[in-house]
Amino acid sequence: MVETIPSFGLGTFRVDAEKTVNSVKSALQLGYRHIDTAKFYNNEESVGKGVRDSGIPRDDIWVTTKVWHDQLRREDVVKSLVESHKKLNIGTIDLALVHWPSPDSVVPIAETIAGFQDAQKEGLIRHFGVSNFTAPLLEEALKAPGGEGIVTNQFEISPFLANRKLVEATQKLGVKATAYMPLGESRAHKDPTLNEIAKKHGATAAQVTFAWLLSRDIVVLSASTNPEHQQVNWDSRKLQLDADDIEKIDALDEGERHAKPPFAPKW
């Protein structure tokens, strides 16, 4: 049984159902052990099939899903996870996250956490956490009854949105930071600085980006449906950047945020 979040995972956001099955299957067969989905992605059934078809023992795989912000009442959390559990069809879900905090905090975080605890008792999930929480919201969540069970805060991090204050606050609170959209919506592939560093190491700009995140003790979610690209991304775990590389990547931060729906918290 995987007891901590694997540091490198496969993201499945905006991947259609048919491709999801094959991408999950190939990633797991290449060595990935962390798959990230969400009810909102509408591909949980495909993720589950990919897990089952991979031939990798279920206990060796960490699967994360998420509860949408309109289902954060205690009873609704459980209902959402019952549905996710059924669609995934892989047994107990390893991790469930609050996908986005309740807009304007209409639903108290303590009530949502109570729902996650109910889901744990019912064997629907093993762990729970949050996504897109600001530092103050995360602090509030950790202080709520049961809040000490939060294992990660998943949010957007890329070379162009280092999100340093939130990363540091999350880690200081003893919670793992998980990065989505790490390539800045593909911008990293074309960035001159990242490509210069990549050339120096005989790597790709994506590998450099992932290695930079891993060097900050951040869990990386890489979205790729191509097995060859999945392998290249997976190999980024072996890349060691030097201090000069890190300094150059750090200097790319522009605070450029892509995930900014109208219901997002005030960053």
Protein backbone atom coordinates (compact mmCIF):
# COMPACT_ATOMS: atom_id res chain seq x y z
CA MET A 1 0.00 0.00 0.00
CA VAL A 2 1.39 3.41 -1.00
CA GLU A 3 1.41 5.51 2.18
CA THR A 4 2.66 8.88 0.90
CA ILE A 5 1.86 10.80 -2.28
CA PRO A 6 4.29 9.73 -5.03
CA SER A 7 6.31 12.77 -6.12
CA PHE A 8 5.58 12.40 -9.85
CA GLY A 9 2.10 11.77 -11.17
CA LEU A 10 -0.03 11.76 -14.31
CA GLY A 11 -2.64 14.50 -14.62
CA THR A 12 -5.79 13.79 -16.66
CA PHE A 13 -7.45 17.22 -16.93
CA ARG A 14 -8.91 17.92 -20.39
CA VAL A 15 -8.16 14.41 -21.65
CA ASP A 16 -11.11 12.71 -23.32
CA ALA A 17 -12.37 9.38 -22.04
CA GLU A 18 -10.93 7.15 -24.76
CA LYS A 19 -7.44 8.63 -24.53
CA THR A 20 -7.55 8.58 -20.74
CA VAL A 21 -7.75 4.77 -20.56
CA ASN A 22 -4.66 4.31 -22.72
CA SER A 23 -2.68 7.16 -21.16
CA VAL A 24 -3.25 5.88 -17.62
CA LYS A 25 -2.41 2.34 -18.66
CA SER A 26 0.81 3.31 -20.45
CA ALA A 27 1.96 5.66 -17.68
CA LEU A 28 1.55 2.97 -15.05
CA GLN A 29 3.38 0.44 -17.17
CA LEU A 30 6.25 2.93 -17.56
CA GLY A 31 6.59 3.29 -13.79
CA TYR A 32 4.20 6.07 -12.75
CA ARG A 33 2.36 5.25 -9.54
CA HIS A 34 0.28 8.39 -9.04
CA ILE A 35 -2.82 9.19 -11.13
CA ASP A 36 -4.81 12.40 -10.64
CA THR A 37 -8.41 12.90 -11.73
CA ALA A 38 -11.54 14.71 -10.53
CA LYS A 39 -15.27 14.36 -10.74
CA PHE A 40 -15.30 17.58 -12.78
CA TYR A 41 -13.01 16.01 -15.42
CA ASN A 42 -15.74 13.50 -16.26
CA ASN A 43 -13.20 10.73 -16.86
CA GLU A 44 -13.14 8.76 -13.60
CA GLU A 45 -14.52 5.64 -15.28
CA SER A 46 -11.72 5.79 -17.84
CA VAL A 47 -9.08 6.36 -15.17
CA GLY A 48 -10.36 3.34 -13.28
CA LYS A 49 -10.30 1.18 -16.40
CA GLY A 50 -6.75 2.30 -17.15
CA VAL A 51 -5.70 1.33 -13.62
CA ARG A 52 -7.38 -2.08 -13.88
CA ASP A 53 -6.02 -2.77 -17.38
CA SER A 54 -2.45 -1.76 -16.51
CA GLY A 55 -1.60 -5.04 -14.81
CA ILE A 56 0.00 -3.12 -11.93
CA PRO A 57 -1.17 -4.25 -8.45
CA ARG A 58 -3.81 -1.87 -7.12
CA ASP A 59 -1.98 -1.50 -3.80
CA ASP A 60 1.03 -0.04 -5.65
CA ILE A 61 -0.98 2.83 -7.18
CA TRP A 62 -2.05 6.15 -5.65
CA VAL A 63 -5.24 7.58 -7.18
CA THR A 64 -6.49 11.08 -6.38
CA THR A 65 -9.90 12.53 -7.20
CA LYS A 66 -11.69 15.73 -6.21
CA VAL A 67 -15.05 17.02 -5.03
CA TRP A 68 -16.47 20.04 -6.90
CA HIS A 69 -17.20 23.26 -5.02
CA ASP A 70 -20.99 22.88 -5.24
CA GLN A 71 -20.89 19.59 -3.29
CA LEU A 72 -19.10 20.62 -0.11
CA ARG A 73 -21.94 20.14 2.36
CA ARG A 74 -21.28 17.17 4.62
CA GLU A 75 -23.85 14.86 3.02
CA ASP A 76 -22.95 16.06 -0.49
CA VAL A 77 -19.27 15.27 0.02
CA VAL A 78 -20.17 11.67 0.79
CA LYS A 79 -22.61 11.47 -2.14
CA SER A 80 -19.94 12.81 -4.50
CA LEU A 81 -17.39 10.30 -3.27
CA VAL A 82 -19.86 7.43 -3.48
CA GLU A 83 -20.27 8.31 -7.15
CA SER A 84 -16.51 8.65 -7.69
CA HIS A 85 -15.90 5.35 -5.91
CA LYS A 86 -18.42 3.62 -8.17
CA LYS A 87 -17.09 5.19 -11.38
CA LEU A 88 -13.45 4.49 -10.60
CA ASN A 89 -14.25 0.93 -9.52
CA ILE A 90 -10.82 0.37 -8.00
CA GLY A 91 -11.74 -0.03 -4.35
CA THR A 92 -10.89 2.62 -1.77
CA ILE A 93 -9.72 5.91 -3.30
CA ASP A 94 -6.32 6.93 -1.98
CA LEU A 95 -6.94 10.67 -1.80
CA ALA A 96 -9.89 13.02 -2.23
CA LEU A 97 -9.50 16.78 -2.44
CA VAL A 98 -11.73 19.82 -2.16
CA HIS A 99 -11.33 20.90 -5.81
CA TRP A 100 -11.94 24.59 -5.09
CA PRO A 101 -12.80 26.20 -1.75
CA SER A 102 -16.42 27.09 -1.15
CA PRO A 103 -17.05 30.45 -2.89
CA ASP A 104 -17.17 33.20 -0.26
CA SER A 105 -16.83 30.41 2.35
CA VAL A 106 -20.58 29.76 2.19
CA VAL A 107 -19.94 26.19 3.37
CA PRO A 108 -17.72 26.11 6.46
CA ILE A 109 -14.58 24.07 5.85
CA ALA A 110 -15.24 22.18 9.09
CA GLU A 111 -18.44 20.79 7.56
CA THR A 112 -16.60 19.64 4.45
CA ILE A 113 -13.88 17.96 6.49
CA ALA A 114 -16.58 16.17 8.48
CA GLY A 115 -17.86 14.83 5.16
CA PHE A 116 -14.41 13.54 4.26
CA GLN A 117 -14.14 11.86 7.65
CA ASP A 118 -17.51 10.20 7.05
CA ALA A 119 -16.19 8.99 3.68
CA GLN A 120 -13.13 7.57 5.40
CA LYS A 121 -15.27 5.66 7.88
CA GLU A 122 -17.30 4.23 5.01
CA GLY A 123 -14.12 3.03 3.29
CA LEU A 124 -14.59 5.33 0.30
CA ILE A 125 -11.27 7.17 0.74
CA ARG A 126 -8.02 6.76 2.67
CA HIS A 127 -6.80 10.36 2.83
CA PHE A 128 -8.12 13.85 2.11
CA GLY A 129 -6.73 17.24 1.24
CA VAL A 130 -7.47 20.50 -0.54
CA SER A 131 -6.79 22.23 -3.85
CA ASN A 132 -6.56 25.92 -4.75
CA PHE A 133 -6.51 27.03 -1.11
CA THR A 134 -4.76 30.27 -0.19
CA ALA A 135 -2.50 30.24 2.87
CA PRO A 136 -5.19 31.77 5.15
CA LEU A 137 -7.79 29.26 3.92
CA LEU A 138 -5.36 26.39 4.46
CA GLU A 139 -4.60 27.59 7.99
CA GLU A 140 -8.32 27.76 8.71
CA ALA A 141 -8.81 24.24 7.35
CA LEU A 142 -5.97 22.82 9.45
CA LYS A 143 -7.47 24.33 12.61
CA ALA A 144 -10.92 22.81 11.95
CA PRO A 145 -11.82 19.54 13.69
CA GLY A 146 -10.09 16.78 11.72
CA GLY A 147 -8.08 19.33 9.73
CA GLU A 148 -4.83 17.71 10.81
CA GLY A 149 -5.69 14.97 8.31
CA ILE A 150 -5.07 17.26 5.30
CA VAL A 151 -2.12 15.81 3.37
CA THR A 152 -1.74 18.19 0.42
CA ASN A 153 -2.72 21.51 -1.12
CA GLN A 154 -2.78 21.22 -4.92
CA PHE A 155 -2.45 24.46 -6.88
CA GLU A 156 -0.96 26.01 -10.01
CA ILE A 157 2.84 26.26 -10.02
CA SER A 158 5.10 26.82 -13.01
CA PRO A 159 8.32 28.69 -13.81
CA PHE A 160 6.07 31.63 -14.75
CA LEU A 161 4.01 31.33 -11.56
CA ALA A 162 6.46 30.15 -8.91
CA ASN A 163 3.78 30.81 -6.27
CA ARG A 164 6.64 30.94 -3.78
CA LYS A 165 4.73 32.44 -0.84
CA LEU A 166 1.96 29.85 -1.05
CA VAL A 167 4.41 26.98 -1.55
CA GLU A 168 6.44 28.07 1.47
CA ALA A 169 3.34 28.63 3.61
CA THR A 170 1.92 25.22 2.64
CA GLN A 171 5.17 23.42 3.40
CA LYS A 172 5.71 25.34 6.65
CA LEU A 173 2.29 24.14 7.79
CA GLY A 174 3.43 20.55 7.23
CA VAL A 175 1.30 20.01 4.12
CA LYS A 176 2.64 18.73 0.81
CA ALA A 177 2.45 21.15 -2.14
CA THR A 178 1.28 19.57 -5.42
CA ALA A 179 1.73 21.42 -8.72
CA TYR A 180 -0.72 21.39 -11.61
CA MET A 181 -0.22 23.18 -14.95
CA PRO A 182 3.56 23.01 -14.32
CA LEU A 183 4.43 23.91 -17.91
CA GLY A 184 2.38 27.11 -17.89
CA GLU A 185 -0.06 25.85 -20.51
CA SER A 186 2.83 24.60 -22.71
CA ARG A 187 4.72 27.90 -22.55
CA ALA A 188 7.71 26.12 -21.01
CA HIS A 189 8.35 24.20 -24.23
CA LYS A 190 9.22 27.41 -26.11
CA ASP A 191 10.92 29.39 -23.36
CA PRO A 192 14.51 30.36 -24.37
CA THR A 193 15.90 30.11 -20.83
CA LEU A 194 14.47 26.68 -20.17
CA ASN A 195 15.65 25.46 -23.56
CA GLU A 196 19.14 26.83 -22.93
CA ILE A 197 19.32 24.92 -19.65
CA ALA A 198 17.87 21.85 -21.33
CA LYS A 199 20.54 21.94 -24.03
CA LYS A 200 23.24 22.16 -21.36
CA HIS A 201 21.96 18.95 -19.75
CA GLY A 202 20.93 17.09 -22.90
CA ALA A 203 17.34 17.29 -21.70
CA THR A 204 14.05 18.90 -22.68
CA ALA A 205 12.50 22.11 -21.38
CA ALA A 206 9.75 20.05 -19.76
CA GLN A 207 12.30 17.86 -17.96
CA VAL A 208 14.07 20.97 -16.69
CA THR A 209 10.77 22.37 -15.41
CA PHE A 210 9.84 19.16 -13.62
CA ALA A 211 13.32 18.83 -12.10
CA TRP A 212 13.05 22.41 -10.82
CA LEU A 213 9.73 21.63 -9.12
CA LEU A 214 11.05 18.39 -7.63
CA SER A 215 14.07 20.28 -6.27
CA ARG A 216 11.58 22.42 -4.31
CA ASP A 217 10.01 19.28 -2.79
CA ILE A 218 6.83 19.81 -4.81
CA VAL A 219 4.74 16.93 -6.15
CA VAL A 220 4.52 17.19 -9.93
CA LEU A 221 1.50 16.37 -12.10
CA SER A 222 2.46 15.91 -15.74
CA ALA A 223 -0.30 15.59 -18.33
CA SER A 224 0.64 13.59 -21.43
CA THR A 225 -1.21 10.98 -23.46
CA ASN A 226 1.82 10.02 -25.58
CA PRO A 227 3.86 7.10 -24.12
CA GLU A 228 7.11 8.50 -25.51
CA HIS A 229 6.47 11.89 -23.91
CA GLN A 230 5.40 10.16 -20.69
CA GLN A 231 8.74 8.35 -20.63
CA VAL A 232 10.69 11.57 -21.22
CA ASN A 233 8.75 13.32 -18.46
CA TRP A 234 9.26 10.38 -16.11
CA ASP A 235 13.02 10.54 -16.70
CA SER A 236 13.11 14.12 -15.39
CA ARG A 237 13.36 12.63 -11.90
CA LYS A 238 17.00 11.80 -12.69
CA LEU A 239 17.95 15.32 -13.79
CA GLN A 240 20.03 17.30 -11.31
CA LEU A 241 20.02 21.07 -11.81
CA ASP A 242 22.84 23.24 -10.45
CA ALA A 243 22.50 26.48 -8.50
CA ASP A 244 22.93 28.59 -11.64
CA ASP A 245 20.11 26.70 -13.38
CA ILE A 246 17.80 27.19 -10.41
CA GLU A 247 18.58 30.91 -10.25
CA LYS A 248 17.77 31.38 -13.94
CA ILE A 249 14.48 29.49 -13.64
CA ASP A 250 13.52 31.40 -10.51
CA ALA A 251 13.97 34.63 -12.47
CA LEU A 252 11.22 33.59 -14.93
CA ASP A 253 8.47 34.13 -12.36
CA GLU A 254 5.91 36.66 -13.62
CA GLY A 255 2.98 35.70 -11.45
CA GLU A 256 1.18 34.52 -14.61
CA ARG A 257 -1.91 32.62 -13.50
CA HIS A 258 -3.97 30.48 -15.89
CA ALA A 259 -6.43 28.87 -13.47
CA LYS A 260 -8.59 31.85 -12.43
CA PRO A 261 -12.29 31.02 -12.65
CA PRO A 262 -14.77 33.55 -11.26
CA PHE A 263 -15.32 31.45 -8.13
CA ALA A 264 -11.61 31.28 -7.28
CA PRO A 265 -10.49 32.72 -3.93
CA LYS A 266 -8.74 36.08 -3.89
CA TRP A 267 -5.09 35.19 -4.29
